[in-house]
């Protein structure tokens, strides 16, 4: 396995190019370029289309046999979920993610926080369990209840991964490697998505996962994640060292100052992280209330049945 310094040495011979992919330095960033710089030839776009197709096929299978699937789940999975991933990777934002750290930070927020939340609310595992044939369904259940999934979905483990990863990325040489190496750059996108799913799926997801904590403990863990974005964002804003080594300065963009852009990036992470965390805490509380209401109705029905059985027994005496 190559050492990080060796990878940097290899990557350093690559000229400062757009998106770590061999193109020239980008023109000034504008809202219009979010649409004009869209690229649909990435492996990530292929994965998005495949995931959307499989999900819609599952919904179609349910409807064919007369079963219902909540429309809100489909909208969540395809819209802010897969759509959010596409919006920051294959759109023009993806063309600027190695030129502007502020754009990269928007990607970070969407890929690790916003999209995974809505993917989890789409309940794709539940959909698969309801539509797959017997043998594949048993295999999927075995995976869901495997030791690996139990470990990574354990809330404290997921929380540690979610909190430690950004610090390990931005404050080591690894971040510069991802800017200079296209494969590493793409892997970071996948890593952001996976990290977000590992954290949010056990907290907010609707799929059956082993060892899921009760709602009060989940709400506490969500609350504990809020200061993390403040600390990371302020650290980036106040840093006296540019993230990514000399990468951003080597681009020599006349229309962007890397130092100012880094301050903006830290502010995006700080404000955006707090907003998303608090919003999702509210969603978790709503889920908690609805679950309590369902449990209360279930108990009421059970009491009604017991009362009916008692009256029937008394009438037969």
Protein backbone atom coordinates (compact mmCIF):
# COMPACT_ATOMS: atom_id res chain seq x y z
CA UNK A 1 0.00 0.00 0.00
CA UNK A 2 1.38 3.43 -0.92
CA UNK A 3 2.17 5.87 1.85
CA UNK A 4 0.36 9.22 1.72
CA UNK A 5 3.66 11.02 1.01
CA UNK A 6 4.29 8.72 -1.96
CA UNK A 7 0.81 9.38 -3.31
CA UNK A 8 1.40 13.11 -2.93
CA UNK A 9 4.69 12.81 -4.77
CA UNK A 10 2.99 11.10 -7.69
CA UNK A 11 0.05 13.49 -7.62
CA UNK A 12 2.29 16.57 -7.43
CA UNK A 13 3.42 16.06 -11.03
CA UNK A 14 -0.18 16.56 -12.13
CA UNK A 15 -0.73 20.19 -13.12
CA UNK A 16 -3.37 22.21 -11.33
CA UNK A 17 -6.45 21.30 -13.34
CA UNK A 18 -10.16 21.48 -12.88
CA UNK A 19 -11.88 18.70 -10.94
CA UNK A 20 -8.70 16.63 -10.75
CA UNK A 21 -9.61 15.35 -14.17
CA UNK A 22 -7.35 17.04 -16.70
CA UNK A 23 -9.44 20.02 -17.82
CA UNK A 24 -8.36 23.63 -17.79
CA UNK A 25 -8.95 26.11 -14.98
CA UNK A 26 -12.63 27.11 -14.87
CA UNK A 27 -14.13 30.47 -15.83
CA UNK A 28 -15.69 32.66 -13.11
CA UNK A 29 -18.39 30.85 -11.18
CA UNK A 30 -21.97 31.96 -11.89
CA UNK A 31 -25.39 30.48 -11.22
CA UNK A 32 -25.83 29.88 -14.95
CA UNK A 33 -22.75 27.66 -15.02
CA UNK A 34 -24.43 25.28 -12.57
CA UNK A 35 -26.54 24.25 -15.58
CA UNK A 36 -24.16 24.81 -18.50
CA UNK A 37 -21.29 22.83 -16.94
CA UNK A 38 -23.41 19.75 -16.20
CA UNK A 39 -21.73 16.39 -16.98
CA UNK A 40 -23.68 13.15 -17.23
CA UNK A 41 -20.77 10.81 -18.01
CA UNK A 42 -19.61 9.98 -14.48
CA UNK A 43 -19.87 6.65 -12.68
CA UNK A 44 -21.82 8.41 -9.94
CA UNK A 45 -24.53 9.40 -12.41
CA UNK A 46 -24.76 5.77 -13.51
CA UNK A 47 -25.22 4.72 -9.88
CA UNK A 48 -27.92 7.36 -9.34
CA UNK A 49 -29.87 6.24 -12.40
CA UNK A 50 -29.54 2.57 -11.41
CA UNK A 51 -30.69 3.24 -7.83
CA UNK A 52 -33.66 5.30 -9.05
CA UNK A 53 -34.64 2.61 -11.55
CA UNK A 54 -34.51 -0.18 -8.97
CA UNK A 55 -36.52 1.85 -6.47
CA UNK A 56 -39.23 2.71 -9.01
CA UNK A 57 -39.35 -0.90 -10.15
CA UNK A 58 -39.93 -1.98 -6.54
CA UNK A 59 -42.77 0.52 -6.16
CA UNK A 60 -44.26 -0.69 -9.45
CA UNK A 61 -44.12 -4.32 -8.26
CA UNK A 62 -45.99 -3.41 -5.09
CA UNK A 63 -48.70 -1.60 -7.00
CA UNK A 64 -49.14 -4.49 -9.43
CA UNK A 65 -50.07 -6.79 -6.57
CA UNK A 66 -52.34 -4.18 -4.96
CA UNK A 67 -50.06 -3.07 -2.11
CA UNK A 68 -49.59 0.56 -1.20
CA UNK A 69 -46.30 2.41 -0.82
CA UNK A 70 -46.32 5.94 0.65
CA UNK A 71 -45.72 8.53 -2.04
CA UNK A 72 -43.78 10.67 0.43
CA UNK A 73 -41.14 7.94 0.70
CA UNK A 74 -40.68 7.83 -3.05
CA UNK A 75 -40.43 11.62 -3.22
CA UNK A 76 -37.88 11.69 -0.40
CA UNK A 77 -35.68 9.00 -1.96
CA UNK A 78 -35.74 10.31 -5.52
CA UNK A 79 -35.93 14.06 -4.78
CA UNK A 80 -33.67 15.37 -2.03
CA UNK A 81 -32.02 11.94 -1.75
CA UNK A 82 -30.72 10.89 -5.17
CA UNK A 83 -31.57 14.29 -6.64
CA UNK A 84 -29.47 16.01 -4.00
CA UNK A 85 -26.47 13.84 -4.87
CA UNK A 86 -26.89 14.63 -8.57
CA UNK A 87 -27.30 18.35 -7.91
CA UNK A 88 -23.84 18.70 -6.34
CA UNK A 89 -21.85 16.16 -8.37
CA UNK A 90 -23.00 15.98 -11.98
CA UNK A 91 -24.25 19.58 -12.22
CA UNK A 92 -22.00 22.57 -12.73
CA UNK A 93 -21.23 22.57 -9.02
CA UNK A 94 -19.22 19.42 -9.62
CA UNK A 95 -17.13 21.31 -12.18
CA UNK A 96 -15.99 23.75 -9.49
CA UNK A 97 -15.55 21.42 -6.53
CA UNK A 98 -11.76 21.42 -6.78
CA UNK A 99 -11.50 25.10 -7.73
CA UNK A 100 -13.53 26.57 -4.87
CA UNK A 101 -13.45 25.12 -1.38
CA UNK A 102 -16.79 26.81 -0.70
CA UNK A 103 -18.37 24.69 -3.47
CA UNK A 104 -16.67 21.60 -2.07
CA UNK A 105 -18.16 22.40 1.33
CA UNK A 106 -21.65 22.63 -0.18
CA UNK A 107 -20.98 19.17 -1.62
CA UNK A 108 -19.84 17.98 1.81
CA UNK A 109 -23.05 19.19 3.43
CA UNK A 110 -25.36 17.67 0.82
CA UNK A 111 -23.55 14.35 0.41
CA UNK A 112 -22.92 13.65 4.09
CA UNK A 113 -26.02 15.19 5.71
CA UNK A 114 -28.93 16.15 3.47
CA UNK A 115 -29.00 13.35 0.87
CA UNK A 116 -28.43 10.46 3.36
CA UNK A 117 -31.29 11.69 5.54
CA UNK A 118 -33.78 11.54 2.67
CA UNK A 119 -32.37 8.26 1.40
CA UNK A 120 -33.05 6.83 4.85
CA UNK A 121 -36.58 8.30 4.91
CA UNK A 122 -37.22 6.57 1.58
CA UNK A 123 -36.90 3.16 3.33
CA UNK A 124 -35.29 1.32 0.38
CA UNK A 125 -34.44 -1.76 2.47
CA UNK A 126 -38.08 -2.14 3.52
CA UNK A 127 -39.13 -1.76 -0.12
CA UNK A 128 -36.66 -4.45 -1.16
CA UNK A 129 -37.83 -6.82 1.58
CA UNK A 130 -41.42 -6.44 0.38
CA UNK A 131 -40.64 -7.06 -3.30
CA UNK A 132 -37.72 -9.49 -3.51
CA UNK A 133 -38.25 -13.25 -3.97
CA UNK A 134 -37.75 -15.49 -0.94
CA UNK A 135 -34.08 -16.40 -1.42
CA UNK A 136 -32.76 -12.86 -2.15
CA UNK A 137 -34.92 -11.54 0.70
CA UNK A 138 -33.31 -13.99 3.13
CA UNK A 139 -29.86 -12.93 1.93
CA UNK A 140 -30.72 -9.26 2.41
CA UNK A 141 -32.01 -9.98 5.92
CA UNK A 142 -28.79 -11.85 6.69
CA UNK A 143 -26.78 -8.82 5.59
CA UNK A 144 -28.92 -6.39 7.60
CA UNK A 145 -28.48 -8.52 10.74
CA UNK A 146 -24.81 -9.33 10.14
CA UNK A 147 -22.12 -8.48 12.66
CA UNK A 148 -20.60 -5.84 10.37
CA UNK A 149 -23.89 -3.97 10.03
CA UNK A 150 -24.52 -4.29 13.76
CA UNK A 151 -21.15 -2.68 14.50
CA UNK A 152 -21.36 0.16 11.97
CA UNK A 153 -25.01 0.93 12.69
CA UNK A 154 -24.44 1.09 16.44
CA UNK A 155 -25.15 4.78 17.17
CA UNK A 156 -21.97 5.51 19.13
CA UNK A 157 -19.78 3.95 16.43
CA UNK A 158 -21.67 5.82 13.69
CA UNK A 159 -21.38 9.06 15.67
CA UNK A 160 -17.61 8.63 16.08
CA UNK A 161 -17.16 7.99 12.34
CA UNK A 162 -19.34 10.98 11.45
CA UNK A 163 -17.45 13.37 13.75
CA UNK A 164 -13.85 12.21 13.25
CA UNK A 165 -13.84 11.79 9.46
CA UNK A 166 -13.97 15.49 8.43
CA UNK A 167 -11.13 16.39 10.80
CA UNK A 168 -9.08 13.48 9.45
CA UNK A 169 -9.75 14.64 5.89
CA UNK A 170 -9.28 18.41 6.08
CA UNK A 171 -6.40 18.64 8.55
CA UNK A 172 -4.12 16.01 7.05
CA UNK A 173 -2.41 15.59 3.68
CA UNK A 174 -5.29 13.41 2.56
CA UNK A 175 -7.38 16.36 1.37
CA UNK A 176 -4.68 17.57 -1.00
CA UNK A 177 -4.38 14.04 -2.40
CA UNK A 178 -8.11 14.05 -3.20
CA UNK A 179 -7.70 17.34 -5.08
CA UNK A 180 -4.83 16.06 -7.22
CA UNK A 181 -6.00 12.51 -7.83
CA UNK A 182 -9.26 11.91 -9.71
CA UNK A 183 -9.91 8.45 -8.26
CA UNK A 184 -9.33 9.65 -4.70
CA UNK A 185 -11.58 12.62 -5.42
CA UNK A 186 -14.44 10.38 -6.55
CA UNK A 187 -13.94 8.02 -3.62
CA UNK A 188 -14.33 10.95 -1.21
CA UNK A 189 -17.78 11.62 -2.69
CA UNK A 190 -18.78 8.02 -2.07
CA UNK A 191 -17.23 8.19 1.39
CA UNK A 192 -19.30 11.26 2.31
CA UNK A 193 -22.50 9.48 1.28
CA UNK A 194 -21.58 6.31 3.17
CA UNK A 195 -20.62 8.23 6.31
CA UNK A 196 -23.90 10.14 6.30
CA UNK A 197 -25.91 6.96 5.79
CA UNK A 198 -24.08 5.19 8.63
CA UNK A 199 -24.94 8.06 10.99
CA UNK A 200 -28.48 9.01 9.96
CA UNK A 201 -29.96 5.63 9.00
CA UNK A 202 -30.10 4.30 12.60
CA UNK A 203 -31.35 7.67 13.91
CA UNK A 204 -33.99 8.71 11.37
CA UNK A 205 -34.36 5.82 8.94
CA UNK A 206 -37.54 3.77 8.65
CA UNK A 207 -35.85 0.49 7.69
CA UNK A 208 -35.51 -2.37 10.21
CA UNK A 209 -32.03 -2.22 11.74
CA UNK A 210 -30.72 -4.31 14.64
CA UNK A 211 -30.01 -2.66 17.98
CA UNK A 212 -31.79 0.60 17.23
CA UNK A 213 -31.86 2.96 20.22
CA UNK A 214 -35.09 4.35 21.70
CA UNK A 215 -36.12 7.83 20.60
CA UNK A 216 -34.86 9.75 23.68
CA UNK A 217 -31.34 8.35 23.21
CA UNK A 218 -31.44 9.09 19.47
CA UNK A 219 -32.55 12.67 20.12
CA UNK A 220 -29.69 13.14 22.57
CA UNK A 221 -27.15 11.85 20.06
CA UNK A 222 -28.53 14.15 17.38
CA UNK A 223 -28.26 17.07 19.77
CA UNK A 224 -24.64 16.19 20.54
CA UNK A 225 -23.80 16.39 16.83
CA UNK A 226 -24.74 20.08 16.62
CA UNK A 227 -21.61 21.59 18.26
CA UNK A 228 -19.36 19.48 16.04
CA UNK A 229 -20.20 21.55 12.95
CA UNK A 230 -19.65 24.76 14.86
CA UNK A 231 -16.19 23.65 15.97
CA UNK A 232 -15.19 22.38 12.53
CA UNK A 233 -16.56 25.42 10.70
CA UNK A 234 -14.91 27.94 13.04
CA UNK A 235 -11.63 26.03 12.91
CA UNK A 236 -11.61 26.25 9.12
CA UNK A 237 -12.60 29.93 9.16
CA UNK A 238 -9.85 30.86 11.63
CA UNK A 239 -7.14 28.61 10.20
CA UNK A 240 -3.88 30.32 9.23
CA UNK A 241 -3.15 27.53 6.76
CA UNK A 242 -4.94 26.96 3.49
CA UNK A 243 -6.64 23.59 3.20
CA UNK A 244 -5.26 21.47 0.39
CA UNK A 245 -1.69 22.70 0.64
CA UNK A 246 -0.75 24.91 -2.32
CA UNK A 247 -3.46 23.52 -4.61
CA UNK A 248 -5.86 26.49 -4.61
CA UNK A 249 -3.09 29.07 -4.96
CA UNK A 250 -1.55 27.13 -7.84
CA UNK A 251 -4.79 27.51 -9.83
CA UNK A 252 -4.13 31.29 -10.02
CA UNK A 253 -7.80 32.15 -10.37
CA UNK A 254 -8.06 35.89 -10.92
CA UNK A 255 -11.72 35.88 -9.85
CA UNK A 256 -11.33 34.08 -6.50
CA UNK A 257 -9.20 34.59 -3.40
CA UNK A 258 -8.53 31.20 -1.72
CA UNK A 259 -8.30 32.77 1.75
CA UNK A 260 -11.67 34.51 1.48
CA UNK A 261 -13.19 31.42 -0.09
CA UNK A 262 -11.98 29.29 2.83
CA UNK A 263 -13.70 31.65 5.28
CA UNK A 264 -16.91 31.32 3.27
CA UNK A 265 -16.50 27.53 3.27
CA UNK A 266 -16.14 27.43 7.04
CA UNK A 267 -19.22 29.60 7.41
CA UNK A 268 -21.21 27.26 5.15
CA UNK A 269 -20.22 24.28 7.25
CA UNK A 270 -20.96 26.08 10.52
CA UNK A 271 -24.34 27.59 9.65
CA UNK A 272 -25.49 24.80 7.35
CA UNK A 273 -24.51 22.08 9.80
CA UNK A 274 -26.39 23.66 12.66
CA UNK A 275 -29.47 24.28 10.53
CA UNK A 276 -29.60 20.70 9.23
CA UNK A 277 -28.91 19.18 12.66
CA UNK A 278 -31.60 21.21 14.40
CA UNK A 279 -34.09 20.56 11.59
CA UNK A 280 -33.42 16.83 11.75
CA UNK A 281 -33.76 16.93 15.53
CA UNK A 282 -37.25 18.33 14.97
CA UNK A 283 -37.98 15.52 12.48
CA UNK A 284 -36.82 12.99 15.06
CA UNK A 285 -39.12 14.50 17.69
CA UNK A 286 -42.04 14.29 15.25
CA UNK A 287 -41.24 10.62 14.60
CA UNK A 288 -41.07 10.07 18.35
CA UNK A 289 -44.49 11.67 18.88
CA UNK A 290 -46.05 9.64 16.05
CA UNK A 291 -44.56 6.41 17.42
CA UNK A 292 -45.96 7.24 20.87
CA UNK A 293 -49.38 7.87 19.34
CA UNK A 294 -49.27 4.54 17.46
CA UNK A 295 -48.27 2.75 20.67
CA UNK A 296 -51.11 4.45 22.57
CA UNK A 297 -53.63 3.37 19.90
CA UNK A 298 -52.28 -0.17 20.02
CA UNK A 299 -52.69 -0.28 23.80
CA UNK A 300 -56.21 1.13 23.49
CA UNK A 301 -57.13 -1.61 21.00
CA UNK A 302 -55.68 -4.27 23.29
CA UNK A 303 -57.61 -2.92 26.28
CA UNK A 304 -60.79 -2.86 24.18
CA UNK A 305 -60.24 -6.50 23.21
CA UNK A 306 -59.62 -7.52 26.81
CA UNK A 307 -62.74 -5.67 27.91
CA UNK A 308 -64.81 -7.36 25.18
CA UNK A 309 -63.51 -10.78 26.18
CA UNK A 310 -64.33 -10.06 29.82
CA UNK A 311 -67.90 -8.98 28.95
CA UNK A 312 -68.35 -12.09 26.81
CA UNK A 313 -67.13 -14.28 29.66
CA UNK A 314 -69.49 -12.61 32.13
CA UNK A 315 -72.44 -13.00 29.72
CA UNK A 316 -71.76 -16.71 29.32
CA UNK A 317 -71.84 -17.37 33.07
